[in-house]
Amino acid sequence: MIKVMSLASVMLFSSIAVAGLGGASQTIVNSESMNGAPVGSRDAALAAGKSMIMEINDKSPYELSRSVHYSSNDQVDVNSFELLNSHVTVNEIVTSDGDIAYQPVINVSYEYKARQRD
């Protein structure tokens, strides 16, 4: 009888613990832009942008989670980050000296899994 009661209480507490972990997670898709350093030519800016994209592509899901912004109000699975798309654009900017410079801008789309906090 004591063994049955002990087993029943262990199962009860185990089921409560498992139920507490089982919130519904959702996949969130987000995008952001990252600016590179201004350079002297359009070709150099494209090369720098390509290098930035290759660097982002080589990141692990955890490293990607540390490189992008996401809501801190959610419980985020940092190992679920996945890069969906990326591309380079070049902005012409005028420096403080009045010269024209070219700035690489990469746009990345990514997704991750998160749950709302209780």
N, C-alpha and C. Protein backbone atom coordinates (compact mmCIF):
# COMPACT_ATOMS: atom_id res chain seq x y z
N MET A 1 0.83 -1.19 0.00
CA MET A 1 0.00 0.00 0.00
C MET A 1 0.88 1.26 0.00
N ILE A 2 1.91 1.26 0.82
CA ILE A 2 2.81 2.42 0.87
C ILE A 2 3.51 2.61 -0.48
N LYS A 3 3.88 1.50 -1.12
CA LYS A 3 4.54 1.58 -2.43
C LYS A 3 3.59 2.18 -3.46
N VAL A 4 2.32 1.81 -3.40
CA VAL A 4 1.33 2.34 -4.34
C VAL A 4 1.15 3.83 -4.13
N MET A 5 1.06 4.26 -2.87
CA MET A 5 0.90 5.68 -2.57
C MET A 5 2.14 6.47 -3.00
N SER A 6 3.31 5.91 -2.76
CA SER A 6 4.56 6.59 -3.15
C SER A 6 4.63 6.72 -4.67
N LEU A 7 4.30 5.64 -5.37
CA LEU A 7 4.32 5.67 -6.82
C LEU A 7 3.30 6.67 -7.37
N ALA A 8 2.12 6.71 -6.77
CA ALA A 8 1.09 7.65 -7.22
C ALA A 8 1.52 9.10 -7.00
N SER A 9 2.14 9.39 -5.86
CA SER A 9 2.57 10.76 -5.59
C SER A 9 3.71 11.17 -6.51
N VAL A 10 4.63 10.24 -6.81
CA VAL A 10 5.73 10.56 -7.73
C VAL A 10 5.17 10.84 -9.11
N MET A 11 4.22 10.07 -9.59
CA MET A 11 3.63 10.28 -10.90
C MET A 11 2.86 11.60 -10.95
N LEU A 12 2.18 11.94 -9.85
CA LEU A 12 1.45 13.20 -9.80
C LEU A 12 2.40 14.38 -9.94
N PHE A 13 3.48 14.39 -9.17
CA PHE A 13 4.43 15.50 -9.25
C PHE A 13 5.15 15.52 -10.59
N SER A 14 5.42 14.36 -11.17
CA SER A 14 6.06 14.32 -12.48
C SER A 14 5.16 14.90 -13.56
N SER A 15 3.87 14.58 -13.50
CA SER A 15 2.96 15.09 -14.51
C SER A 15 2.77 16.60 -14.37
N ILE A 16 2.80 17.12 -13.16
CA ILE A 16 2.70 18.56 -12.96
C ILE A 16 3.93 19.26 -13.53
N ALA A 17 5.10 18.69 -13.30
CA ALA A 17 6.34 19.30 -13.81
C ALA A 17 6.36 19.30 -15.33
N VAL A 18 5.93 18.20 -15.95
CA VAL A 18 5.91 18.12 -17.41
C VAL A 18 4.87 19.07 -17.98
N ALA A 19 3.71 19.18 -17.33
CA ALA A 19 2.67 20.08 -17.82
C ALA A 19 3.14 21.53 -17.78
N GLY A 20 3.96 21.89 -16.81
CA GLY A 20 4.45 23.25 -16.70
C GLY A 20 5.41 23.62 -17.81
N LEU A 21 6.05 22.63 -18.43
CA LEU A 21 7.02 22.91 -19.49
C LEU A 21 6.40 22.94 -20.88
N GLY A 22 5.16 22.52 -21.00
CA GLY A 22 4.59 22.29 -22.32
C GLY A 22 3.82 23.44 -22.91
N GLY A 23 4.27 24.69 -22.79
CA GLY A 23 3.58 25.80 -23.42
C GLY A 23 3.73 25.75 -24.93
N ALA A 24 2.77 26.32 -25.62
CA ALA A 24 2.81 26.33 -27.09
C ALA A 24 3.84 27.34 -27.57
N SER A 25 4.79 26.87 -28.35
CA SER A 25 5.77 27.80 -28.92
C SER A 25 5.30 28.21 -30.31
N GLN A 26 5.75 29.34 -30.73
CA GLN A 26 5.40 29.84 -32.06
C GLN A 26 6.67 30.21 -32.80
N THR A 27 6.60 30.12 -34.11
CA THR A 27 7.74 30.51 -34.94
C THR A 27 7.57 31.97 -35.30
N ILE A 28 8.59 32.74 -35.03
CA ILE A 28 8.57 34.17 -35.30
C ILE A 28 9.57 34.47 -36.41
N VAL A 29 9.11 35.19 -37.42
CA VAL A 29 9.97 35.60 -38.54
C VAL A 29 10.24 37.09 -38.39
N ASN A 30 11.49 37.46 -38.50
CA ASN A 30 11.88 38.85 -38.31
C ASN A 30 12.96 39.20 -39.34
N SER A 31 13.20 40.48 -39.53
CA SER A 31 14.28 40.91 -40.42
C SER A 31 14.91 42.17 -39.86
N GLU A 32 16.13 42.38 -40.24
CA GLU A 32 16.82 43.60 -39.82
C GLU A 32 17.94 43.93 -40.78
N SER A 33 18.39 45.17 -40.70
CA SER A 33 19.48 45.67 -41.54
C SER A 33 20.71 45.90 -40.69
N MET A 34 21.86 45.62 -41.26
CA MET A 34 23.14 45.85 -40.58
C MET A 34 24.02 46.66 -41.51
N ASN A 35 24.59 47.74 -40.99
CA ASN A 35 25.42 48.64 -41.79
C ASN A 35 26.90 48.30 -41.63
N GLY A 36 27.60 48.35 -42.75
CA GLY A 36 29.05 48.18 -42.72
C GLY A 36 29.73 49.54 -42.72
N ALA A 37 31.03 49.52 -42.66
CA ALA A 37 31.81 50.75 -42.67
C ALA A 37 31.84 51.35 -44.07
N PRO A 38 31.73 52.68 -44.19
CA PRO A 38 31.81 53.32 -45.51
C PRO A 38 33.18 53.09 -46.15
N VAL A 39 33.16 52.90 -47.47
CA VAL A 39 34.39 52.69 -48.23
C VAL A 39 34.38 53.60 -49.46
N GLY A 40 35.49 53.61 -50.20
CA GLY A 40 35.66 54.56 -51.29
C GLY A 40 35.00 54.22 -52.61
N SER A 41 34.62 52.96 -52.84
CA SER A 41 34.03 52.60 -54.13
C SER A 41 32.84 51.65 -53.95
N ARG A 42 32.00 51.63 -54.97
CA ARG A 42 30.83 50.75 -54.94
C ARG A 42 31.26 49.28 -54.92
N ASP A 43 32.28 48.94 -55.71
CA ASP A 43 32.76 47.55 -55.75
C ASP A 43 33.30 47.11 -54.39
N ALA A 44 34.02 48.00 -53.72
CA ALA A 44 34.54 47.67 -52.39
C ALA A 44 33.40 47.49 -51.39
N ALA A 45 32.36 48.28 -51.52
CA ALA A 45 31.20 48.16 -50.63
C ALA A 45 30.48 46.84 -50.87
N LEU A 46 30.33 46.43 -52.14
CA LEU A 46 29.71 45.14 -52.44
C LEU A 46 30.54 43.98 -51.90
N ALA A 47 31.86 44.08 -52.02
CA ALA A 47 32.74 43.04 -51.49
C ALA A 47 32.64 42.97 -49.97
N ALA A 48 32.59 44.13 -49.32
CA ALA A 48 32.46 44.15 -47.86
C ALA A 48 31.11 43.57 -47.44
N GLY A 49 30.06 43.90 -48.18
CA GLY A 49 28.74 43.36 -47.88
C GLY A 49 28.69 41.85 -48.05
N LYS A 50 29.32 41.36 -49.11
CA LYS A 50 29.39 39.92 -49.34
C LYS A 50 30.12 39.23 -48.19
N SER A 51 31.19 39.84 -47.74
CA SER A 51 31.95 39.30 -46.61
C SER A 51 31.09 39.28 -45.33
N MET A 52 30.29 40.33 -45.13
CA MET A 52 29.40 40.38 -43.96
C MET A 52 28.37 39.25 -44.02
N ILE A 53 27.82 39.01 -45.21
CA ILE A 53 26.82 37.94 -45.37
C ILE A 53 27.45 36.57 -45.13
N MET A 54 28.64 36.37 -45.66
CA MET A 54 29.32 35.09 -45.45
C MET A 54 29.58 34.86 -43.96
N GLU A 55 29.92 35.92 -43.25
CA GLU A 55 30.16 35.84 -41.81
C GLU A 55 28.88 35.47 -41.06
N ILE A 56 27.76 36.06 -41.45
CA ILE A 56 26.47 35.74 -40.82
C ILE A 56 26.07 34.31 -41.15
N ASN A 57 26.28 33.88 -42.40
CA ASN A 57 25.92 32.51 -42.81
C ASN A 57 26.69 31.45 -42.04
N ASP A 58 27.90 31.76 -41.62
CA ASP A 58 28.74 30.79 -40.92
C ASP A 58 28.43 30.68 -39.43
N LYS A 59 27.54 31.51 -38.92
CA LYS A 59 27.24 31.49 -37.48
C LYS A 59 26.33 30.32 -37.12
N SER A 60 26.55 29.79 -35.94
CA SER A 60 25.65 28.75 -35.41
C SER A 60 24.34 29.42 -35.00
N PRO A 61 23.29 28.64 -34.77
CA PRO A 61 22.03 29.25 -34.32
C PRO A 61 22.21 30.12 -33.07
N TYR A 62 23.00 29.64 -32.12
CA TYR A 62 23.23 30.42 -30.89
C TYR A 62 23.96 31.73 -31.21
N GLU A 63 25.00 31.67 -32.04
CA GLU A 63 25.74 32.88 -32.41
C GLU A 63 24.85 33.86 -33.17
N LEU A 64 23.98 33.32 -34.03
CA LEU A 64 23.04 34.18 -34.76
C LEU A 64 22.10 34.88 -33.78
N SER A 65 21.67 34.16 -32.75
CA SER A 65 20.76 34.77 -31.77
C SER A 65 21.42 35.93 -31.04
N ARG A 66 22.72 35.92 -30.94
CA ARG A 66 23.45 37.00 -30.27
C ARG A 66 23.77 38.15 -31.21
N SER A 67 23.57 37.94 -32.51
CA SER A 67 23.90 38.97 -33.51
C SER A 67 22.69 39.80 -33.94
N VAL A 68 21.48 39.30 -33.68
CA VAL A 68 20.27 39.98 -34.11
C VAL A 68 19.44 40.39 -32.90
N HIS A 69 18.42 41.20 -33.14
CA HIS A 69 17.56 41.68 -32.06
C HIS A 69 16.24 40.92 -32.05
N TYR A 70 15.75 40.64 -30.86
CA TYR A 70 14.44 40.00 -30.72
C TYR A 70 13.84 40.42 -29.39
N SER A 71 12.56 40.17 -29.23
CA SER A 71 11.83 40.61 -28.04
C SER A 71 12.33 39.89 -26.79
N SER A 72 12.65 40.65 -25.78
CA SER A 72 13.08 40.04 -24.52
C SER A 72 11.90 39.66 -23.64
N ASN A 73 10.67 39.96 -24.10
CA ASN A 73 9.49 39.58 -23.33
C ASN A 73 9.12 38.13 -23.54
N ASP A 74 9.67 37.50 -24.56
CA ASP A 74 9.36 36.11 -24.86
C ASP A 74 10.45 35.19 -24.32
N GLN A 75 10.08 33.93 -24.13
CA GLN A 75 11.04 32.90 -23.77
C GLN A 75 11.55 32.33 -25.09
N VAL A 76 12.76 32.66 -25.46
CA VAL A 76 13.29 32.37 -26.78
C VAL A 76 14.21 31.15 -26.74
N ASP A 77 14.03 30.27 -27.71
CA ASP A 77 14.93 29.13 -27.88
C ASP A 77 16.10 29.59 -28.76
N VAL A 78 17.23 29.89 -28.13
CA VAL A 78 18.37 30.46 -28.87
C VAL A 78 19.00 29.46 -29.83
N ASN A 79 18.68 28.19 -29.70
CA ASN A 79 19.22 27.19 -30.62
C ASN A 79 18.30 26.95 -31.82
N SER A 80 17.20 27.71 -31.91
CA SER A 80 16.27 27.53 -33.02
C SER A 80 16.44 28.60 -34.11
N PHE A 81 17.36 29.52 -33.95
CA PHE A 81 17.53 30.59 -34.93
C PHE A 81 18.01 30.02 -36.26
N GLU A 82 17.38 30.49 -37.33
CA GLU A 82 17.73 30.04 -38.67
C GLU A 82 17.65 31.23 -39.62
N LEU A 83 18.68 31.39 -40.43
CA LEU A 83 18.73 32.45 -41.43
C LEU A 83 17.90 32.04 -42.63
N LEU A 84 16.97 32.90 -43.04
CA LEU A 84 16.10 32.58 -44.16
C LEU A 84 16.59 33.19 -45.47
N ASN A 85 17.03 34.45 -45.40
CA ASN A 85 17.39 35.18 -46.62
C ASN A 85 18.33 36.31 -46.25
N SER A 86 19.18 36.69 -47.17
CA SER A 86 20.05 37.84 -46.94
C SER A 86 20.43 38.44 -48.29
N HIS A 87 20.61 39.75 -48.31
CA HIS A 87 21.08 40.42 -49.52
C HIS A 87 21.79 41.72 -49.17
N VAL A 88 22.58 42.20 -50.11
CA VAL A 88 23.39 43.40 -49.92
C VAL A 88 22.83 44.54 -50.76
N THR A 89 22.79 45.71 -50.16
CA THR A 89 22.54 46.94 -50.92
C THR A 89 23.68 47.90 -50.58
N VAL A 90 23.86 48.88 -51.44
CA VAL A 90 24.92 49.88 -51.22
C VAL A 90 24.27 51.25 -51.18
N ASN A 91 24.54 51.97 -50.10
CA ASN A 91 24.06 53.35 -49.96
C ASN A 91 25.18 54.32 -50.27
N GLU A 92 24.85 55.35 -51.05
CA GLU A 92 25.80 56.44 -51.27
C GLU A 92 25.59 57.43 -50.14
N ILE A 93 26.67 57.78 -49.46
CA ILE A 93 26.57 58.75 -48.38
C ILE A 93 27.60 59.85 -48.59
N VAL A 94 27.34 60.99 -48.00
CA VAL A 94 28.28 62.11 -48.06
C VAL A 94 28.97 62.19 -46.70
N THR A 95 30.29 62.16 -46.72
CA THR A 95 31.05 62.22 -45.48
C THR A 95 31.08 63.65 -44.94
N SER A 96 31.60 63.81 -43.75
CA SER A 96 31.70 65.15 -43.15
C SER A 96 32.65 66.06 -43.94
N ASP A 97 33.53 65.46 -44.74
CA ASP A 97 34.44 66.23 -45.59
C ASP A 97 33.81 66.62 -46.92
N GLY A 98 32.59 66.15 -47.17
CA GLY A 98 31.91 66.44 -48.42
C GLY A 98 32.19 65.43 -49.52
N ASP A 99 32.94 64.37 -49.22
CA ASP A 99 33.24 63.33 -50.20
C ASP A 99 32.10 62.31 -50.23
N ILE A 100 31.99 61.63 -51.36
CA ILE A 100 31.00 60.56 -51.47
C ILE A 100 31.66 59.25 -51.08
N ALA A 101 30.97 58.51 -50.21
CA ALA A 101 31.43 57.19 -49.79
C ALA A 101 30.30 56.20 -50.03
N TYR A 102 30.63 54.94 -50.01
CA TYR A 102 29.66 53.88 -50.26
C TYR A 102 29.61 52.96 -49.04
N GLN A 103 28.40 52.78 -48.54
CA GLN A 103 28.23 51.98 -47.32
C GLN A 103 27.46 50.70 -47.63
N PRO A 104 28.06 49.54 -47.31
CA PRO A 104 27.32 48.29 -47.51
C PRO A 104 26.26 48.13 -46.42
N VAL A 105 25.09 47.66 -46.84
CA VAL A 105 24.00 47.39 -45.91
C VAL A 105 23.50 45.99 -46.23
N ILE A 106 23.51 45.11 -45.22
CA ILE A 106 22.95 43.78 -45.45
C ILE A 106 21.59 43.70 -44.76
N ASN A 107 20.66 43.09 -45.45
CA ASN A 107 19.33 42.85 -44.92
C ASN A 107 19.21 41.35 -44.71
N VAL A 108 18.89 40.94 -43.49
CA VAL A 108 18.76 39.52 -43.19
C VAL A 108 17.36 39.23 -42.66
N SER A 109 16.82 38.10 -43.08
CA SER A 109 15.56 37.59 -42.56
C SER A 109 15.89 36.31 -41.80
N TYR A 110 15.27 36.13 -40.64
CA TYR A 110 15.55 34.96 -39.83
C TYR A 110 14.29 34.56 -39.08
N GLU A 111 14.29 33.33 -38.58
CA GLU A 111 13.17 32.86 -37.78
C GLU A 111 13.71 32.18 -36.53
N TYR A 112 12.85 32.13 -35.51
CA TYR A 112 13.19 31.45 -34.27
C TYR A 112 11.90 31.05 -33.56
N LYS A 113 12.05 30.18 -32.60
CA LYS A 113 10.90 29.72 -31.82
C LYS A 113 10.90 30.43 -30.47
N ALA A 114 9.69 30.80 -30.02
CA ALA A 114 9.56 31.49 -28.75
C ALA A 114 8.20 31.18 -28.14
N ARG A 115 8.14 31.33 -26.82
CA ARG A 115 6.88 31.21 -26.08
C ARG A 115 6.69 32.47 -25.27
N GLN A 116 5.43 32.84 -25.07
CA GLN A 116 5.15 33.97 -24.21
C GLN A 116 5.39 33.56 -22.77
N ARG A 117 5.94 34.48 -22.01
CA ARG A 117 6.13 34.22 -20.58
C ARG A 117 4.80 34.28 -19.87
N ASP A 118 4.68 33.46 -18.84
CA ASP A 118 3.42 33.49 -18.06
C ASP A 118 3.37 34.66 -17.12
